[in-house]
Amino acid sequence: MIKERESTFERINVIIQIFWTLMCFYAVLWISKVNIIETQDHLILAIVIIPVWFTLLEIYEMGTMARIQGFRSIIKKYICLNLIGIVLLFLVFHIFNLYSMPGTIFLKFGVTNIFILSIQKVVGRMMINFFRRKGYNYRTILIIADDTSIPFIQQIIDTDRWGYRINGIVTQSDKVKELFGTQYSILPENEDFAHLIDEKVIDEVFFCKHDFDTNSIRQLISECREIGVGFHLHNKVLSFGGLAPRLTFLNRQFFLSFRNTPENYVTHQIKGAIDFFLSLIFLTVVSPFMLIIALLIKMEDGGPIIFKQVRVGKHGRLFKCLKFRTMVVNAEEMKEKLMQLNEQDGPVFKIKNDPRITKVGKILRKTSLDELPQFINVLLGDMSIVGPRPPVPSEVKRYKRCLIRRLSVTPGITCIWQVSGRNNIPFDKWMEMDMQYIDNWSLTLDFIIMIKTLKVILSHDGQ
């Protein structure tokens, strides 16, 4: 496919963007009148820029020509990767005491780099599209189709920047014939396929029919292979319930894998590192304040400071979730008597004015400070900063089977539900938000949720 053919070009494109990034950095130093001859501090930052920007450009897939991305999406990605990169550079700036350069260079560098990289990406794509309009860099394809293939065919037609030209459609579908018969040659399925691809100029064959048998597919692949024509089985053919397969390898054997959770290894490692270091820094900073909270809880009724509750983590693993105790000591014993006052639908138990809450507890809940010890859970690996809230085992037992999927990711201290109304949201909507988070997870989404959580805490909107 074209993407395979362009893998080398994509790496070159990443290297070019790193070059432009370094040029932006030194241009900003020159504009800021930093004497790079007298000081060598700039070399430390330049050395950091190369691997950091290489990793970020790879994660955000900015080496591609972005055929199917809009300009807004491209700019958004550059803004996100530059924000992350600049934060890392700023940390290096302070760790190595590089005070021979003004701190304002980071803001100037970020803005300049976003502008330059966006311009080079847009110009590059415009050049590719120009050459395609002139008839260069195209692949001619043959599509084997039925009624279900119509959206794919239309997408190929509408997005000519992908670099494909349809040279024929093999089908028995009356709908396909009616829609595309005047634009492309329609070929019957009983025609000799080997002879067909021998006679026509075909670079790639796309099989997009919903129904097929293994023997026919094997025969088509064999006939394409004999003359060096690529064969592609549309992934929608093998999708089930919206799950599209991905090719994976285990001990040199390949499998079509169906997964419903984000699986980018690099971004998951980055998320884990962010969780660990942010939690460590945060706990260090607020530890004196947590000590004061602990004393107030102890002084009120002499009971335990920390409330440990068994919660369900990733894939059903049980762990003890830590919180500052906000209820009376015998709160669990009183729960059964208060069940009729439950204000939350579904298996969750919530009361807005819960009589079991202590005076100190009301303040802690209002400000969400009762959840500070959960950063210890994050350090232990049981939780993440952002993720679906961990349920108690009794709630999970009452889940519909389709809701178990929210346990497929590491639970978190905050999530979309936390910043969208919390107890005012019906249970079904809450679950829908968790699924939305799982399906659309990214580092950017985590960052947005963190910012919104801070806003909720400052507004004292906890319950």
Protein backbone atom coordinates (compact mmCIF):
# COMPACT_ATOMS: atom_id res chain seq x y z
CA MET A 1 0.00 0.00 0.00
CA ILE A 2 0.98 3.64 -0.31
CA LYS A 3 1.56 3.91 3.45
CA GLU A 4 4.05 1.03 3.33
CA ARG A 5 5.74 2.59 0.34
CA GLU A 6 6.09 5.89 2.18
CA SER A 7 7.51 4.58 5.48
CA THR A 8 11.01 5.79 4.58
CA PHE A 9 9.65 9.14 3.49
CA GLU A 10 7.80 9.51 6.82
CA ARG A 11 11.02 9.05 8.79
CA ILE A 12 12.77 11.59 6.56
CA ASN A 13 9.86 13.95 7.15
CA VAL A 14 10.27 13.59 10.92
CA ILE A 15 14.00 14.35 10.63
CA ILE A 16 13.21 17.44 8.52
CA GLN A 17 10.74 18.64 11.17
CA ILE A 18 13.36 18.17 13.89
CA PHE A 19 15.73 20.25 11.77
CA TRP A 20 13.10 23.01 11.48
CA THR A 21 12.51 22.79 15.24
CA LEU A 22 16.22 23.33 15.94
CA MET A 23 16.23 26.24 13.48
CA CYS A 24 13.27 27.78 15.32
CA PHE A 25 15.08 27.35 18.64
CA TYR A 26 18.24 29.07 17.44
CA ALA A 27 16.26 31.76 15.61
CA VAL A 28 14.53 32.60 18.90
CA LEU A 29 17.90 32.69 20.69
CA TRP A 30 19.22 35.06 18.03
CA ILE A 31 16.15 37.31 18.28
CA SER A 32 16.48 37.27 22.08
CA LYS A 33 20.15 38.33 21.66
CA VAL A 34 21.56 35.31 23.49
CA ASN A 35 25.29 35.02 22.85
CA ILE A 36 25.65 31.31 21.98
CA ILE A 37 29.42 31.68 21.64
CA GLU A 38 30.02 32.81 25.23
CA THR A 39 27.68 30.23 26.77
CA GLN A 40 27.18 26.57 25.93
CA ASP A 41 23.89 26.21 27.84
CA HIS A 42 21.93 26.16 24.60
CA LEU A 43 23.62 22.89 23.60
CA ILE A 44 21.99 21.06 26.52
CA LEU A 45 18.53 22.15 25.38
CA ALA A 46 19.34 21.36 21.74
CA ILE A 47 20.46 17.85 22.70
CA VAL A 48 17.19 17.38 24.61
CA ILE A 49 15.07 18.73 21.74
CA ILE A 50 16.21 16.05 19.25
CA PRO A 51 14.98 12.88 21.09
CA VAL A 52 11.98 14.61 22.67
CA TRP A 53 10.64 16.02 19.41
CA PHE A 54 11.41 12.78 17.58
CA THR A 55 9.34 10.83 20.13
CA LEU A 56 6.47 13.35 20.13
CA LEU A 57 6.34 13.56 16.33
CA GLU A 58 6.19 9.75 16.19
CA ILE A 59 3.47 9.54 18.85
CA TYR A 60 1.30 12.13 17.08
CA GLU A 61 2.12 10.54 13.69
CA MET A 62 3.24 13.84 12.20
CA GLY A 63 5.67 12.20 9.80
CA THR A 64 2.79 11.28 7.47
CA MET A 65 1.46 13.67 4.86
CA ALA A 66 -1.86 13.61 6.76
CA ARG A 67 -4.03 12.87 3.74
CA ILE A 68 -7.20 12.42 5.76
CA GLN A 69 -6.61 15.06 8.45
CA GLY A 70 -8.06 18.55 8.41
CA PHE A 71 -5.90 21.64 8.94
CA ARG A 72 -7.41 22.23 12.39
CA SER A 73 -6.47 18.70 13.46
CA ILE A 74 -2.89 19.20 12.26
CA ILE A 75 -2.49 22.49 14.14
CA LYS A 76 -4.08 21.00 17.27
CA LYS A 77 -1.55 18.15 17.26
CA TYR A 78 1.36 20.54 16.85
CA ILE A 79 0.06 22.65 19.75
CA CYS A 80 -0.22 19.56 21.99
CA LEU A 81 3.22 18.14 21.18
CA ASN A 82 4.85 21.54 21.61
CA LEU A 83 3.18 22.06 24.98
CA ILE A 84 4.52 18.72 26.20
CA GLY A 85 7.97 19.38 24.73
CA ILE A 86 8.23 22.88 26.19
CA VAL A 87 7.25 21.63 29.67
CA LEU A 88 10.08 19.07 29.48
CA LEU A 89 12.53 21.72 28.26
CA PHE A 90 11.47 24.04 31.07
CA LEU A 91 12.21 21.29 33.61
CA VAL A 92 15.66 20.76 32.08
CA PHE A 93 16.16 24.55 32.15
CA HIS A 94 15.71 24.58 35.94
CA ILE A 95 17.38 21.26 36.71
CA PHE A 96 20.62 22.34 34.99
CA ASN A 97 20.33 26.02 36.05
CA LEU A 98 20.59 27.32 32.49
CA TYR A 99 19.97 30.91 33.56
CA SER A 100 22.25 32.42 30.93
CA MET A 101 19.15 32.37 28.73
CA PRO A 102 15.87 34.19 29.48
CA GLY A 103 12.92 31.98 30.47
CA THR A 104 10.71 33.75 27.91
CA ILE A 105 12.48 31.92 25.07
CA PHE A 106 10.27 28.88 25.71
CA LEU A 107 7.06 30.74 24.93
CA LYS A 108 8.61 32.36 21.85
CA PHE A 109 10.07 29.05 20.73
CA GLY A 110 6.76 27.22 21.15
CA VAL A 111 4.73 29.75 19.17
CA THR A 112 7.35 29.94 16.42
CA ASN A 113 7.69 26.17 16.16
CA ILE A 114 3.92 25.60 15.96
CA PHE A 115 3.71 28.16 13.14
CA ILE A 116 6.69 26.84 11.14
CA LEU A 117 5.82 23.14 11.46
CA SER A 118 2.18 23.79 10.56
CA ILE A 119 3.23 25.78 7.50
CA GLN A 120 5.65 23.09 6.29
CA LYS A 121 3.00 20.39 6.78
CA VAL A 122 0.35 22.34 4.88
CA VAL A 123 2.72 23.30 2.08
CA GLY A 124 3.97 19.72 1.80
CA ARG A 125 0.44 18.38 1.46
CA MET A 126 -0.43 21.04 -1.10
CA MET A 127 2.58 20.00 -3.17
CA ILE A 128 1.58 16.32 -3.02
CA ASN A 129 -1.98 17.18 -4.07
CA PHE A 130 -0.64 19.35 -6.92
CA PHE A 131 1.40 16.47 -8.34
CA ARG A 132 -1.56 14.12 -7.98
CA ARG A 133 -3.72 16.50 -10.02
CA LYS A 134 -1.03 16.33 -12.67
CA GLY A 135 -1.35 12.54 -12.70
CA TYR A 136 1.69 11.63 -10.57
CA ASN A 137 1.97 9.43 -7.46
CA TYR A 138 -1.30 7.55 -7.96
CA ARG A 139 -2.13 3.89 -7.46
CA THR A 140 -4.84 2.31 -9.62
CA ILE A 141 -7.12 -0.06 -7.76
CA LEU A 142 -9.73 -2.72 -8.42
CA ILE A 143 -12.57 -3.05 -5.90
CA ILE A 144 -14.50 -6.28 -5.31
CA ALA A 145 -17.75 -4.97 -3.86
CA ASP A 146 -21.33 -5.55 -2.73
CA ASP A 147 -24.00 -3.27 -1.23
CA THR A 148 -22.02 -2.81 1.99
CA SER A 149 -19.03 -1.47 0.02
CA ILE A 150 -20.79 1.70 -1.16
CA PRO A 151 -19.50 3.97 1.69
CA PHE A 152 -15.91 2.83 1.06
CA ILE A 153 -16.17 3.42 -2.70
CA GLN A 154 -17.65 6.86 -2.10
CA GLN A 155 -14.87 7.66 0.35
CA ILE A 156 -12.23 6.73 -2.21
CA ILE A 157 -13.92 9.04 -4.72
CA ASP A 158 -14.31 11.95 -2.29
CA THR A 159 -10.76 11.78 -0.91
CA ASP A 160 -8.57 11.76 -4.00
CA ARG A 161 -5.68 13.02 -1.85
CA TRP A 162 -5.30 9.43 -0.60
CA GLY A 163 -3.69 8.71 -3.97
CA TYR A 164 -6.02 5.99 -5.30
CA ARG A 165 -7.82 5.82 -8.64
CA ILE A 166 -10.53 3.24 -9.27
CA ASN A 167 -9.89 1.29 -12.47
CA GLY A 168 -12.84 -1.06 -12.13
CA ILE A 169 -15.44 -2.51 -9.75
CA VAL A 170 -16.19 -6.23 -9.64
CA THR A 171 -19.76 -6.66 -8.38
CA GLN A 172 -23.20 -8.18 -8.81
CA SER A 173 -24.86 -5.44 -6.75
CA ASP A 174 -27.56 -3.47 -8.56
CA LYS A 175 -27.05 -0.54 -6.16
CA VAL A 176 -23.34 -0.34 -6.91
CA LYS A 177 -24.05 -0.54 -10.65
CA GLU A 178 -26.66 2.20 -10.38
CA LEU A 179 -24.46 4.56 -8.33
CA PHE A 180 -21.09 4.08 -10.01
CA GLY A 181 -21.82 2.42 -13.37
CA THR A 182 -21.54 5.67 -15.30
CA GLN A 183 -18.15 6.57 -13.74
CA TYR A 184 -16.29 3.28 -13.70
CA SER A 185 -16.28 0.00 -15.57
CA ILE A 186 -18.43 -2.57 -13.77
CA LEU A 187 -17.18 -6.14 -14.11
CA PRO A 188 -19.13 -9.35 -13.36
CA GLU A 189 -17.97 -11.64 -10.55
CA ASN A 190 -17.92 -14.70 -12.83
CA GLU A 191 -15.21 -13.18 -15.04
CA ASP A 192 -11.76 -14.77 -14.93
CA PHE A 193 -10.09 -12.76 -12.17
CA ALA A 194 -6.52 -13.70 -13.14
CA HIS A 195 -7.13 -12.63 -16.74
CA LEU A 196 -8.78 -9.43 -15.54
CA ILE A 197 -5.83 -8.19 -13.48
CA ASP A 198 -3.46 -9.31 -16.25
CA GLU A 199 -5.20 -7.16 -18.85
CA LYS A 200 -5.98 -4.06 -16.78
CA VAL A 201 -3.48 -1.69 -15.15
CA ILE A 202 -3.97 -2.63 -11.48
CA ASP A 203 -1.66 -1.81 -8.57
CA GLU A 204 -3.89 -2.89 -5.68
CA VAL A 205 -7.03 -5.00 -5.20
CA PHE A 206 -9.49 -4.22 -2.39
CA PHE A 207 -11.92 -6.92 -1.29
CA CYS A 208 -14.82 -5.19 0.46
CA LYS A 209 -17.67 -7.69 0.31
CA HIS A 210 -19.36 -8.54 3.57
CA ASP A 211 -19.63 -12.29 2.89
CA PHE A 212 -16.84 -14.52 1.62
CA ASP A 213 -15.33 -17.97 2.00
CA THR A 214 -11.72 -18.69 2.89
CA ASN A 215 -10.97 -20.68 -0.27
CA SER A 216 -12.08 -17.89 -2.60
CA ILE A 217 -9.98 -15.33 -0.69
CA ARG A 218 -6.96 -17.64 -0.79
CA GLN A 219 -7.39 -18.02 -4.56
CA LEU A 220 -7.65 -14.26 -5.12
CA ILE A 221 -4.55 -13.59 -3.00
CA SER A 222 -2.61 -16.27 -4.91
CA GLU A 223 -3.54 -14.81 -8.29
CA CYS A 224 -2.56 -11.32 -7.18
CA ARG A 225 0.71 -12.55 -5.72
CA GLU A 226 1.73 -14.26 -8.97
CA ILE A 227 1.95 -10.93 -10.78
CA GLY A 228 2.96 -8.72 -7.82
CA VAL A 229 -0.38 -6.98 -7.25
CA GLY A 230 -1.23 -6.03 -3.65
CA PHE A 231 -4.38 -7.54 -2.12
CA HIS A 232 -6.24 -5.92 0.77
CA LEU A 233 -9.11 -7.28 2.80
CA HIS A 234 -11.12 -4.35 4.06
CA ASN A 235 -11.06 -4.44 7.87
CA LYS A 236 -14.81 -3.78 8.06
CA VAL A 237 -15.27 -7.24 6.56
CA LEU A 238 -13.80 -8.73 9.74
CA SER A 239 -15.23 -6.23 12.23
CA PHE A 240 -17.66 -7.41 14.85
CA GLY A 241 -19.82 -5.06 16.86
CA GLY A 242 -17.71 -2.08 15.81
CA LEU A 243 -14.41 -3.79 16.74
CA ALA A 244 -11.90 -3.68 13.91
CA PRO A 245 -9.04 -6.22 13.90
CA ARG A 246 -5.34 -5.39 14.06
CA LEU A 247 -2.52 -7.61 12.89
CA THR A 248 -0.38 -8.76 15.82
CA PHE A 249 2.47 -11.25 16.16
CA LEU A 250 3.25 -13.82 18.84
CA ASN A 251 6.32 -16.03 18.50
CA ARG A 252 6.49 -15.39 14.73
CA GLN A 253 2.84 -16.28 14.27
CA PHE A 254 0.36 -13.63 13.24
CA PHE A 255 -3.14 -13.09 14.56
CA LEU A 256 -6.04 -10.77 13.85
CA SER A 257 -6.61 -9.20 17.26
CA PHE A 258 -9.77 -7.47 18.43
CA ARG A 259 -9.30 -4.99 21.23
CA ASN A 260 -11.63 -2.35 22.61
CA THR A 261 -9.18 -0.31 24.68
CA PRO A 262 -6.36 2.08 23.67
CA GLU A 263 -3.16 0.09 23.11
CA ASN A 264 -0.45 2.54 22.10
CA TYR A 265 2.48 1.28 24.18
CA VAL A 266 4.50 4.50 24.12
CA THR A 267 1.61 6.77 25.16
CA HIS A 268 0.62 4.34 27.92
CA GLN A 269 4.18 4.42 29.26
CA ILE A 270 4.12 8.22 29.15
CA LYS A 271 0.79 8.22 31.00
CA GLY A 272 2.26 5.91 33.65
CA ALA A 273 5.33 8.12 34.07
CA ILE A 274 3.18 11.27 34.31
CA ASP A 275 0.97 9.60 36.93
CA PHE A 276 3.94 8.51 39.05
CA PHE A 277 5.94 11.75 38.98
CA LEU A 278 2.96 14.10 39.31
CA SER A 279 1.68 12.08 42.27
CA LEU A 280 5.11 12.04 43.90
CA ILE A 281 5.54 15.80 43.46
CA PHE A 282 1.97 16.53 44.54
CA LEU A 283 2.15 14.42 47.71
CA THR A 284 5.47 16.03 48.64
CA VAL A 285 4.03 19.52 48.25
CA VAL A 286 0.73 18.92 50.09
CA SER A 287 2.05 16.59 52.83
CA PRO A 288 2.01 19.35 55.52
CA PHE A 289 -1.58 20.17 54.58
CA MET A 290 -2.53 16.47 54.69
CA LEU A 291 -1.05 16.29 58.20
CA ILE A 292 -3.34 19.13 59.31
CA ILE A 293 -6.36 17.32 57.81
CA ALA A 294 -5.34 14.15 59.63
CA LEU A 295 -5.18 15.99 62.97
CA LEU A 296 -8.61 17.57 62.44
CA ILE A 297 -10.20 14.18 61.67
CA LYS A 298 -8.59 12.62 64.75
CA MET A 299 -9.62 15.51 66.99
CA GLU A 300 -13.27 15.36 65.95
CA ASP A 301 -14.14 11.84 67.09
CA GLY A 302 -10.90 9.97 67.71
CA GLY A 303 -11.60 7.47 64.92
CA PRO A 304 -9.31 6.28 62.10
CA ILE A 305 -7.87 8.95 59.81
CA ILE A 306 -7.83 6.89 56.63
CA PHE A 307 -10.85 5.04 55.30
CA LYS A 308 -9.79 1.92 53.38
CA GLN A 309 -12.41 0.48 51.07
CA VAL A 310 -12.06 -2.52 48.78
CA ARG A 311 -12.56 -1.39 45.20
CA VAL A 312 -12.45 -3.15 41.84
CA GLY A 313 -9.53 -2.20 39.59
CA LYS A 314 -8.39 -3.13 36.11
CA HIS A 315 -9.90 -6.39 34.86
CA GLY A 316 -11.46 -7.14 38.24
CA ARG A 317 -8.35 -6.84 40.42
CA LEU A 318 -9.27 -5.89 44.00
CA PHE A 319 -7.35 -3.22 45.91
CA LYS A 320 -7.84 -1.00 48.94
CA CYS A 321 -8.78 2.53 47.89
CA LEU A 322 -7.56 5.17 50.35
CA LYS A 323 -9.52 8.25 51.37
CA PHE A 324 -9.60 10.59 54.32
CA ARG A 325 -12.45 9.37 56.51
CA THR A 326 -15.43 11.70 56.11
CA MET A 327 -18.10 9.59 57.85
CA VAL A 328 -18.74 8.32 61.31
CA VAL A 329 -16.90 5.16 62.34
CA ASN A 330 -19.96 2.87 61.96
CA ALA A 331 -21.01 4.30 58.56
CA GLU A 332 -21.13 0.93 56.81
CA GLU A 333 -23.45 -0.50 59.47
CA MET A 334 -25.84 2.46 59.01
CA LYS A 335 -25.92 2.07 55.22
CA GLU A 336 -28.64 -0.61 55.15
CA LYS A 337 -31.02 1.61 57.14
CA LEU A 338 -30.49 4.48 54.67
CA MET A 339 -30.92 2.53 51.41
CA GLN A 340 -34.42 3.97 50.85
CA LEU A 341 -32.88 7.47 50.78
CA ASN A 342 -30.53 6.63 47.89
CA GLU A 343 -30.63 9.46 45.31
CA GLN A 344 -28.59 7.71 42.59
CA ASP A 345 -30.16 5.24 40.19
CA GLY A 346 -28.49 1.97 39.22
CA PRO A 347 -26.27 -0.01 41.61
CA VAL A 348 -24.57 3.09 43.08
CA PHE A 349 -25.44 4.38 46.57
CA LYS A 350 -25.32 8.19 46.95
CA ILE A 351 -27.09 10.62 49.30
CA LYS A 352 -26.51 14.35 48.90
CA ASN A 353 -27.06 15.19 52.60
CA ASP A 354 -25.80 11.91 54.04
CA PRO A 355 -26.38 11.98 57.84
CA ARG A 356 -23.30 9.81 58.35
CA ILE A 357 -20.90 12.57 57.22
CA THR A 358 -18.90 14.31 59.94
CA LYS A 359 -18.38 18.08 60.23
CA VAL A 360 -14.81 17.85 58.97
CA GLY A 361 -16.00 15.37 56.34
CA LYS A 362 -18.46 17.88 54.87
CA ILE A 363 -15.63 20.34 54.26
CA LEU A 364 -13.37 17.66 52.82
CA ARG A 365 -16.06 16.43 50.42
CA LYS A 366 -17.06 19.92 49.36
CA THR A 367 -13.46 20.67 48.41
CA SER A 368 -12.69 17.09 47.20
CA LEU A 369 -9.77 17.00 49.66
CA ASP A 370 -10.94 13.63 51.00
CA GLU A 371 -9.50 12.01 47.88
CA LEU A 372 -5.91 13.24 48.39
CA PRO A 373 -4.67 9.86 49.77
CA GLN A 374 -5.65 8.24 46.46
CA PHE A 375 -2.45 9.67 45.01
CA ILE A 376 -0.78 6.97 47.13
CA ASN A 377 -2.88 4.42 45.21
CA VAL A 378 -1.51 5.97 42.01
CA LEU A 379 2.08 5.52 43.24
CA LEU A 380 1.29 1.89 44.05
CA GLY A 381 -0.03 1.35 40.52
CA ASP A 382 -3.60 0.52 41.56
CA MET A 383 -4.99 3.74 40.11
CA SER A 384 -4.24 6.46 37.62
CA ILE A 385 -4.83 10.20 38.00
CA VAL A 386 -7.41 10.12 35.19
CA GLY A 387 -9.68 7.15 34.57
CA PRO A 388 -13.14 5.75 35.40
CA ARG A 389 -13.87 5.80 39.12
CA PRO A 390 -13.22 2.40 40.78
CA PRO A 391 -16.51 0.76 41.88
CA VAL A 392 -17.05 -1.39 44.96
CA PRO A 393 -17.52 -5.15 44.38
CA SER A 394 -21.23 -5.04 45.30
CA GLU A 395 -21.86 -2.52 42.50
CA VAL A 396 -19.99 -4.61 39.94
CA LYS A 397 -22.13 -7.65 40.77
CA ARG A 398 -25.19 -5.64 39.71
CA TYR A 399 -23.62 -4.38 36.47
CA LYS A 400 -25.04 -5.39 33.13
CA ARG A 401 -22.43 -7.42 31.28
CA CYS A 402 -21.80 -4.60 28.77
CA LEU A 403 -20.72 -2.30 31.63
CA ILE A 404 -17.84 -4.57 32.67
CA ARG A 405 -15.82 -2.92 29.88
CA ARG A 406 -15.26 0.10 32.13
CA LEU A 407 -13.00 -2.21 34.16
CA SER A 408 -10.75 -2.77 31.12
CA VAL A 409 -8.62 0.28 31.98
CA THR A 410 -6.89 1.41 35.17
CA PRO A 411 -9.37 3.33 37.38
CA GLY A 412 -8.65 6.95 38.20
CA ILE A 413 -9.09 9.72 40.74
CA THR A 414 -10.98 11.85 38.24
CA CYS A 415 -12.71 11.36 34.91
CA ILE A 416 -15.32 12.94 32.64
CA TRP A 417 -18.09 12.18 35.16
CA GLN A 418 -16.19 14.00 37.92
CA VAL A 419 -16.08 17.24 35.95
CA SER A 420 -19.56 17.06 34.41
CA GLY A 421 -21.95 17.20 37.34
CA ARG A 422 -21.16 14.04 39.34
CA ASN A 423 -24.21 13.15 41.47
CA ASN A 424 -26.54 15.15 39.21
CA ILE A 425 -25.85 12.73 36.33
CA PRO A 426 -27.99 9.57 35.93
CA PHE A 427 -26.17 6.25 36.25
CA ASP A 428 -26.61 5.30 32.57
CA LYS A 429 -25.18 8.64 31.47
CA TRP A 430 -22.28 8.18 33.87
CA MET A 431 -21.48 4.79 32.37
CA GLU A 432 -21.76 6.26 28.86
CA MET A 433 -19.20 8.94 29.80
CA ASP A 434 -16.78 6.25 31.03
CA MET A 435 -17.14 4.35 27.74
CA GLN A 436 -16.61 7.60 25.87
CA TYR A 437 -13.36 8.12 27.79
CA ILE A 438 -12.15 4.58 27.00
CA ASP A 439 -13.00 4.87 23.29
CA ASN A 440 -11.41 8.31 22.86
CA TRP A 441 -8.52 8.14 25.30
CA SER A 442 -5.44 10.24 24.63
CA LEU A 443 -2.87 12.17 26.65
CA THR A 444 -4.57 15.36 25.48
CA LEU A 445 -7.92 14.21 26.88
CA ASP A 446 -6.26 13.40 30.21
CA PHE A 447 -4.73 16.87 30.32
CA ILE A 448 -8.11 18.52 29.59
CA ILE A 449 -9.82 16.50 32.34
CA MET A 450 -7.07 17.46 34.83
CA ILE A 451 -7.60 21.16 34.06
CA LYS A 452 -11.38 20.84 34.40
CA THR A 453 -10.95 18.93 37.68
CA LEU A 454 -8.86 21.79 39.08
CA LYS A 455 -11.66 24.18 38.10
CA VAL A 456 -14.26 22.00 39.89
CA ILE A 457 -12.10 21.85 43.05
CA LEU A 458 -11.60 25.63 43.09
CA SER A 459 -15.35 26.15 42.68
CA HIS A 460 -15.98 23.90 45.74
CA ASP A 461 -18.43 21.83 43.70
CA GLY A 462 -17.68 18.50 45.43
CA GLN A 463 -20.50 16.47 46.96
